[in-house]
Structure formats: C-alpha cells, structure tokens
Amino acid sequence: MSTTLIAGCSAAAEVSPPPAGAAANAAGAPTRVEADVRFSQEMITHHWQTIQLAELAADRSTDTYVRELAEKIKQGESADIELMSGWLRSWKVEVPARNDDALHEMPGMLSATQISSLKRRSGADFDKLWLSVLGKHLGSGVQMAQIVVALGQHGPTGDLAKKMVADQSAQISEITERLA
C-alpha cells in the first residue's frame, strides 16, 4: 500500500490514500465506500420489511405492547429510510423502492411463507409469532449494522449503524423477555 506525505506546519505526517472505491470530498478525505452504499441500500429494503411487519400488527394484535412497538418501529424506520435515501441520492446511487413481493430475496429477510403465516393469525397467536419473527428480523439488521461499523467510512452511516445496534439489541432483549 502506498502512502502520501503531507507537510504540516512543523512536521510531515503519513496519510494513507482513500480505500479503493471511496468517493472523496473536496479535501480528498473519503466520504463513503461501497460498504456504506450497500448498507443503505440493503437496510432500506430491510426496513421496508420491518414496516410491513409493523403494519400487520395494527389489525391483528390484541397486545398493547405489540401495537405500541409496531407504531414505534414504523415511525423510526421510516425516518431512517428518509435519511439513508438522502445519502444515496447525494451519492447518485439508486434508492430501493418498496416492493413487498420482493422483500424476501435478501439474506436475513422473512420468507413469503412466514409473512403468509402471520397474515392468517390474530390475537395472542399472532402476537407470539410476530414477536418471534420480529426478534429474528431485527437480529439480522444488527448484523448488517455491525458490518458497516467495521467496514464503512461515512461517519453519519457509522453513527446510524451504531444507534441501530444499540436500539435493536435492546428491542431484541425486550422481545426475548416477553416470549420467555
């Protein structure tokens, strides 16, 4: 790996060039890498499915906790989608559109069979299954966020991913306790 010498006022410092595939700002600092772009694109798709799950709870759940969690998820994940969509547009990268029929293809996503099973249930039976599949779904989101924290270069993406890890890990713990 080559390095570039940058002269400062009193000393020279070695600075590594941006990683391959990194976009640079006017000062030459990396603003994003492929991991950042991929995270936003895939997390938007992941969030669309989480919102789809939350929408199912409105008509099927009888549990106040489930209904409140579903509403909280819809609001939070919609805001995340707007934020990540803005980044993608600024990077001149395609923003994934919501397509409920295609949400099952990415690793970590719920299958069409799991969604159909939820759609056929209501009441306590729905609530238990919904919490179970939501916990697993959020777990895959945590894994996605951990990857971009390790590989990404875009500071705001890393900050969002760290917040997702903390928030979703806490939600998974709550869900696990309720299912015990």
C-alpha atoms as a PDB file:
ATOM      1  CA  MET A   1       0.000   0.000   0.000  1.00  0.00           C
ATOM      2  CA  SER A   2       1.453   3.375  -0.954  1.00  0.00           C
ATOM      3  CA  THR A   3       1.241   6.411   1.277  1.00  0.00           C
ATOM      4  CA  THR A   4       1.336  10.112   0.595  1.00  0.00           C
ATOM      5  CA  LEU A   5       3.386  12.606   2.591  1.00  0.00           C
ATOM      6  CA  ILE A   6       1.537  15.708   3.650  1.00  0.00           C
ATOM      7  CA  ALA A   7       3.649  18.527   5.013  1.00  0.00           C
ATOM      8  CA  GLY A   8       2.298  20.249   8.089  1.00  0.00           C
ATOM      9  CA  CYS A   9       3.483  23.412   9.814  1.00  0.00           C
ATOM     10  CA  SER A  10       6.093  21.649  11.875  1.00  0.00           C
ATOM     11  CA  ALA A  11       6.254  18.031  10.719  1.00  0.00           C
ATOM     12  CA  ALA A  12       5.280  15.674   7.940  1.00  0.00           C
ATOM     13  CA  ALA A  13       2.641  13.030   8.520  1.00  0.00           C
ATOM     14  CA  GLU A  14       1.959   9.880   6.572  1.00  0.00           C
ATOM     15  CA  VAL A  15      -1.621   9.588   5.328  1.00  0.00           C
ATOM     16  CA  SER A  16      -2.970   6.513   3.613  1.00  0.00           C
ATOM     17  CA  PRO A  17      -4.897   7.103   0.414  1.00  0.00           C
ATOM     18  CA  PRO A  18      -8.668   6.537   0.494  1.00  0.00           C
ATOM     19  CA  PRO A  19      -9.712   2.873   0.241  1.00  0.00           C
ATOM     20  CA  ALA A  20     -10.437   1.544  -3.235  1.00  0.00           C
ATOM     21  CA  GLY A  21     -13.919   2.563  -4.314  1.00  0.00           C
ATOM     22  CA  ALA A  22     -14.085   5.520  -1.922  1.00  0.00           C
ATOM     23  CA  ALA A  23     -15.567   8.812  -3.016  1.00  0.00           C
ATOM     24  CA  ALA A  24     -13.618  11.824  -1.825  1.00  0.00           C
ATOM     25  CA  ASN A  25     -14.743  15.257  -0.735  1.00  0.00           C
ATOM     26  CA  ALA A  26     -13.009  18.471  -1.811  1.00  0.00           C
ATOM     27  CA  ALA A  27     -10.272  17.974   0.788  1.00  0.00           C
ATOM     28  CA  GLY A  28      -9.588  14.459  -0.506  1.00  0.00           C
ATOM     29  CA  ALA A  29     -10.959  12.681   2.573  1.00  0.00           C
ATOM     30  CA  PRO A  30     -13.097   9.593   1.914  1.00  0.00           C
ATOM     31  CA  THR A  31     -16.799  10.313   2.343  1.00  0.00           C
ATOM     32  CA  ARG A  32     -18.134   6.855   1.615  1.00  0.00           C
ATOM     33  CA  VAL A  33     -17.077   3.439   0.429  1.00  0.00           C
ATOM     34  CA  GLU A  34     -19.012   0.577  -1.144  1.00  0.00           C
ATOM     35  CA  ALA A  35     -19.859  -0.809   2.318  1.00  0.00           C
ATOM     36  CA  ASP A  36     -21.677   2.446   3.141  1.00  0.00           C
ATOM     37  CA  VAL A  37     -23.669   2.382  -0.102  1.00  0.00           C
ATOM     38  CA  ARG A  38     -24.524  -1.293   0.220  1.00  0.00           C
ATOM     39  CA  PHE A  39     -25.607  -0.834   3.830  1.00  0.00           C
ATOM     40  CA  SER A  40     -28.013   1.981   2.973  1.00  0.00           C
ATOM     41  CA  GLN A  41     -29.485   0.100   0.025  1.00  0.00           C
ATOM     42  CA  GLU A  42     -29.900  -3.164   1.910  1.00  0.00           C
ATOM     43  CA  MET A  43     -31.031  -1.572   5.167  1.00  0.00           C
ATOM     44  CA  ILE A  44     -33.721   0.396   3.327  1.00  0.00           C
ATOM     45  CA  THR A  45     -35.033  -2.907   1.960  1.00  0.00           C
ATOM     46  CA  HIS A  46     -34.735  -4.494   5.412  1.00  0.00           C
ATOM     47  CA  HIS A  47     -36.616  -1.561   6.952  1.00  0.00           C
ATOM     48  CA  TRP A  48     -39.400  -1.851   4.356  1.00  0.00           C
ATOM     49  CA  GLN A  49     -39.988  -5.415   5.523  1.00  0.00           C
ATOM     50  CA  THR A  50     -39.919  -4.347   9.175  1.00  0.00           C
ATOM     51  CA  ILE A  51     -42.548  -1.731   8.345  1.00  0.00           C
ATOM     52  CA  GLN A  52     -44.570  -4.413   6.540  1.00  0.00           C
ATOM     53  CA  LEU A  53     -44.461  -6.473   9.752  1.00  0.00           C
ATOM     54  CA  ALA A  54     -45.480  -3.463  11.830  1.00  0.00           C
ATOM     55  CA  GLU A  55     -48.446  -2.800   9.545  1.00  0.00           C
ATOM     56  CA  LEU A  56     -49.696  -6.348  10.113  1.00  0.00           C
ATOM     57  CA  ALA A  57     -49.906  -5.717  13.853  1.00  0.00           C
ATOM     58  CA  ALA A  58     -52.441  -2.889  13.505  1.00  0.00           C
ATOM     59  CA  ASP A  59     -55.305  -5.227  12.529  1.00  0.00           C
ATOM     60  CA  ARG A  60     -54.210  -8.480  14.117  1.00  0.00           C
ATOM     61  CA  SER A  61     -52.688  -7.760  17.525  1.00  0.00           C
ATOM     62  CA  THR A  62     -54.587  -7.563  20.793  1.00  0.00           C
ATOM     63  CA  ASP A  63     -51.466  -6.801  22.851  1.00  0.00           C
ATOM     64  CA  THR A  64     -50.778  -3.161  23.757  1.00  0.00           C
ATOM     65  CA  TYR A  65     -47.019  -3.775  23.800  1.00  0.00           C
ATOM     66  CA  VAL A  66     -47.071  -5.245  20.275  1.00  0.00           C
ATOM     67  CA  ARG A  67     -49.227  -2.430  18.908  1.00  0.00           C
ATOM     68  CA  GLU A  68     -47.058   0.282  20.513  1.00  0.00           C
ATOM     69  CA  LEU A  69     -43.843  -1.392  19.359  1.00  0.00           C
ATOM     70  CA  ALA A  70     -45.240  -1.690  15.830  1.00  0.00           C
ATOM     71  CA  GLU A  71     -46.064   2.028  15.753  1.00  0.00           C
ATOM     72  CA  LYS A  72     -42.645   2.948  17.154  1.00  0.00           C
ATOM     73  CA  ILE A  73     -40.988   0.777  14.506  1.00  0.00           C
ATOM     74  CA  LYS A  74     -42.981   2.335  11.671  1.00  0.00           C
ATOM     75  CA  GLN A  75     -42.033   5.848  12.732  1.00  0.00           C
ATOM     76  CA  GLY A  76     -38.362   5.144  13.443  1.00  0.00           C
ATOM     77  CA  GLU A  77     -37.667   3.029  10.403  1.00  0.00           C
ATOM     78  CA  SER A  78     -39.500   5.443   8.093  1.00  0.00           C
ATOM     79  CA  ALA A  79     -37.221   8.224   9.368  1.00  0.00           C
ATOM     80  CA  ASP A  80     -34.148   6.010   8.812  1.00  0.00           C
ATOM     81  CA  ILE A  81     -35.295   5.285   5.250  1.00  0.00           C
ATOM     82  CA  GLU A  82     -35.581   9.020   4.521  1.00  0.00           C
ATOM     83  CA  LEU A  83     -32.105   9.639   5.943  1.00  0.00           C
ATOM     84  CA  MET A  84     -30.429   6.794   4.042  1.00  0.00           C
ATOM     85  CA  SER A  85     -32.325   7.686   0.849  1.00  0.00           C
ATOM     86  CA  GLY A  86     -30.906  11.193   1.094  1.00  0.00           C
ATOM     87  CA  TRP A  87     -27.386   9.822   1.355  1.00  0.00           C
ATOM     88  CA  LEU A  88     -27.907   7.541  -1.630  1.00  0.00           C
ATOM     89  CA  ARG A  89     -29.314  10.399  -3.728  1.00  0.00           C
ATOM     90  CA  SER A  90     -26.361  12.609  -2.758  1.00  0.00           C
ATOM     91  CA  TRP A  91     -24.054   9.801  -3.903  1.00  0.00           C
ATOM     92  CA  LYS A  92     -26.079   9.471  -7.135  1.00  0.00           C
ATOM     93  CA  VAL A  93     -26.971   5.878  -6.294  1.00  0.00           C
ATOM     94  CA  GLU A  94     -30.347   4.214  -6.797  1.00  0.00           C
ATOM     95  CA  VAL A  95     -32.714   4.273  -3.834  1.00  0.00           C
ATOM     96  CA  PRO A  96     -34.598   0.979  -3.412  1.00  0.00           C
ATOM     97  CA  ALA A  97     -38.365   1.328  -3.799  1.00  0.00           C
ATOM     98  CA  ARG A  98     -40.797  -0.534  -1.590  1.00  0.00           C
ATOM     99  CA  ASN A  99     -41.877  -3.785  -3.187  1.00  0.00           C
ATOM    100  CA  ASP A 100     -43.499  -6.107  -0.643  1.00  0.00           C
ATOM    101  CA  ASP A 101     -43.373  -9.047  -3.073  1.00  0.00           C
ATOM    102  CA  ALA A 102     -39.596  -8.775  -3.498  1.00  0.00           C
ATOM    103  CA  LEU A 103     -38.707  -8.303   0.163  1.00  0.00           C
ATOM    104  CA  HIS A 104     -37.936 -11.984   0.738  1.00  0.00           C
ATOM    105  CA  GLU A 105     -34.897 -12.338  -1.516  1.00  0.00           C
ATOM    106  CA  MET A 106     -32.139 -10.784   0.588  1.00  0.00           C
ATOM    107  CA  PRO A 107     -30.409 -12.858   3.296  1.00  0.00           C
ATOM    108  CA  GLY A 108     -31.855 -12.198   6.748  1.00  0.00           C
ATOM    109  CA  MET A 109     -35.292 -11.387   5.405  1.00  0.00           C
ATOM    110  CA  LEU A 110     -38.505 -13.181   6.306  1.00  0.00           C
ATOM    111  CA  SER A 111     -39.808 -15.608   3.747  1.00  0.00           C
ATOM    112  CA  ALA A 112     -43.109 -15.235   1.943  1.00  0.00           C
ATOM    113  CA  THR A 113     -44.292 -18.283   3.924  1.00  0.00           C
ATOM    114  CA  GLN A 114     -43.537 -16.558   7.239  1.00  0.00           C
ATOM    115  CA  ILE A 115     -45.409 -13.420   6.160  1.00  0.00           C
ATOM    116  CA  SER A 116     -48.369 -15.531   4.985  1.00  0.00           C
ATOM    117  CA  SER A 117     -48.429 -17.359   8.292  1.00  0.00           C
ATOM    118  CA  LEU A 118     -48.592 -14.045  10.142  1.00  0.00           C
ATOM    119  CA  LYS A 119     -51.387 -12.813   7.874  1.00  0.00           C
ATOM    120  CA  ARG A 120     -53.515 -15.866   8.786  1.00  0.00           C
ATOM    121  CA  ARG A 121     -53.268 -15.245  12.542  1.00  0.00           C
ATOM    122  CA  SER A 122     -54.708 -12.830  15.033  1.00  0.00           C
ATOM    123  CA  GLY A 123     -54.830 -12.199  18.767  1.00  0.00           C
ATOM    124  CA  ALA A 124     -52.379 -13.882  21.118  1.00  0.00           C
ATOM    125  CA  ASP A 125     -51.383 -16.411  18.431  1.00  0.00           C
ATOM    126  CA  PHE A 126     -50.371 -13.549  16.113  1.00  0.00           C
ATOM    127  CA  ASP A 127     -48.617 -11.634  18.896  1.00  0.00           C
ATOM    128  CA  LYS A 128     -46.382 -14.541  19.879  1.00  0.00           C
ATOM    129  CA  LEU A 129     -45.386 -15.375  16.292  1.00  0.00           C
ATOM    130  CA  TRP A 130     -44.955 -11.684  15.410  1.00  0.00           C
ATOM    131  CA  LEU A 131     -42.595 -11.088  18.313  1.00  0.00           C
ATOM    132  CA  SER A 132     -40.634 -14.213  17.467  1.00  0.00           C
ATOM    133  CA  VAL A 133     -40.105 -13.352  13.788  1.00  0.00           C
ATOM    134  CA  LEU A 134     -39.523  -9.663  14.571  1.00  0.00           C
ATOM    135  CA  GLY A 135     -36.744 -10.582  17.008  1.00  0.00           C
ATOM    136  CA  LYS A 136     -35.002 -12.690  14.370  1.00  0.00           C
ATOM    137  CA  HIS A 137     -35.501  -9.998  11.732  1.00  0.00           C
ATOM    138  CA  LEU A 138     -34.046  -7.311  13.996  1.00  0.00           C
ATOM    139  CA  GLY A 139     -31.107  -9.629  14.710  1.00  0.00           C
ATOM    140  CA  SER A 140     -30.228  -9.714  11.015  1.00  0.00           C
ATOM    141  CA  GLY A 141     -30.402  -5.911  10.996  1.00  0.00           C
ATOM    142  CA  VAL A 142     -27.949  -5.772  13.896  1.00  0.00           C
ATOM    143  CA  GLN A 143     -25.537  -7.972  11.935  1.00  0.00           C
ATOM    144  CA  MET A 144     -25.819  -5.701   8.885  1.00  0.00           C
ATOM    145  CA  ALA A 145     -25.138  -2.634  11.036  1.00  0.00           C
ATOM    146  CA  GLN A 146     -22.112  -4.250  12.692  1.00  0.00           C
ATOM    147  CA  ILE A 147     -20.596  -4.917   9.275  1.00  0.00           C
ATOM    148  CA  VAL A 148     -20.817  -1.285   8.159  1.00  0.00           C
ATOM    149  CA  VAL A 149     -19.449  -0.103  11.509  1.00  0.00           C
ATOM    150  CA  ALA A 150     -16.385  -2.247  10.793  1.00  0.00           C
ATOM    151  CA  LEU A 151     -16.002  -1.509   7.073  1.00  0.00           C
ATOM    152  CA  GLY A 152     -17.673   1.828   6.372  1.00  0.00           C
ATOM    153  CA  GLN A 153     -16.068   5.254   6.026  1.00  0.00           C
ATOM    154  CA  HIS A 154     -19.096   7.580   6.014  1.00  0.00           C
ATOM    155  CA  GLY A 155     -19.327   8.993   9.542  1.00  0.00           C
ATOM    156  CA  PRO A 156     -23.112   9.541   9.580  1.00  0.00           C
ATOM    157  CA  THR A 157     -23.689   5.990   8.312  1.00  0.00           C
ATOM    158  CA  GLY A 158     -21.482   4.636  11.085  1.00  0.00           C
ATOM    159  CA  ASP A 159     -23.332   6.720  13.659  1.00  0.00           C
ATOM    160  CA  LEU A 160     -26.714   5.463  12.438  1.00  0.00           C
ATOM    161  CA  ALA A 161     -25.460   1.874  12.388  1.00  0.00           C
ATOM    162  CA  LYS A 162     -24.160   2.144  15.966  1.00  0.00           C
ATOM    163  CA  LYS A 163     -27.522   3.533  17.080  1.00  0.00           C
ATOM    164  CA  MET A 164     -29.296   0.669  15.294  1.00  0.00           C
ATOM    165  CA  VAL A 165     -27.103  -1.900  17.030  1.00  0.00           C
ATOM    166  CA  ALA A 166     -27.871  -0.406  20.440  1.00  0.00           C
ATOM    167  CA  ASP A 167     -31.602   0.193  19.865  1.00  0.00           C
ATOM    168  CA  GLN A 168     -32.344  -3.082  18.112  1.00  0.00           C
ATOM    169  CA  SER A 169     -30.295  -5.120  20.585  1.00  0.00           C
ATOM    170  CA  ALA A 170     -32.387  -3.575  23.370  1.00  0.00           C
ATOM    171  CA  GLN A 171     -35.597  -4.387  21.480  1.00  0.00           C
ATOM    172  CA  ILE A 172     -34.453  -7.972  20.957  1.00  0.00           C
ATOM    173  CA  SER A 173     -33.788  -8.294  24.699  1.00  0.00           C
ATOM    174  CA  GLU A 174     -37.273  -6.958  25.496  1.00  0.00           C
ATOM    175  CA  ILE A 175     -38.847  -9.330  22.990  1.00  0.00           C
ATOM    176  CA  THR A 176     -36.909 -12.278  24.395  1.00  0.00           C
ATOM    177  CA  GLU A 177     -38.112 -11.455  27.903  1.00  0.00           C
ATOM    178  CA  ARG A 178     -41.743 -11.196  26.752  1.00  0.00           C
ATOM    179  CA  LEU A 179     -41.530 -14.553  24.977  1.00  0.00           C
ATOM    180  CA  ALA A 180     -39.964 -16.345  27.959  1.00  0.00           C
END
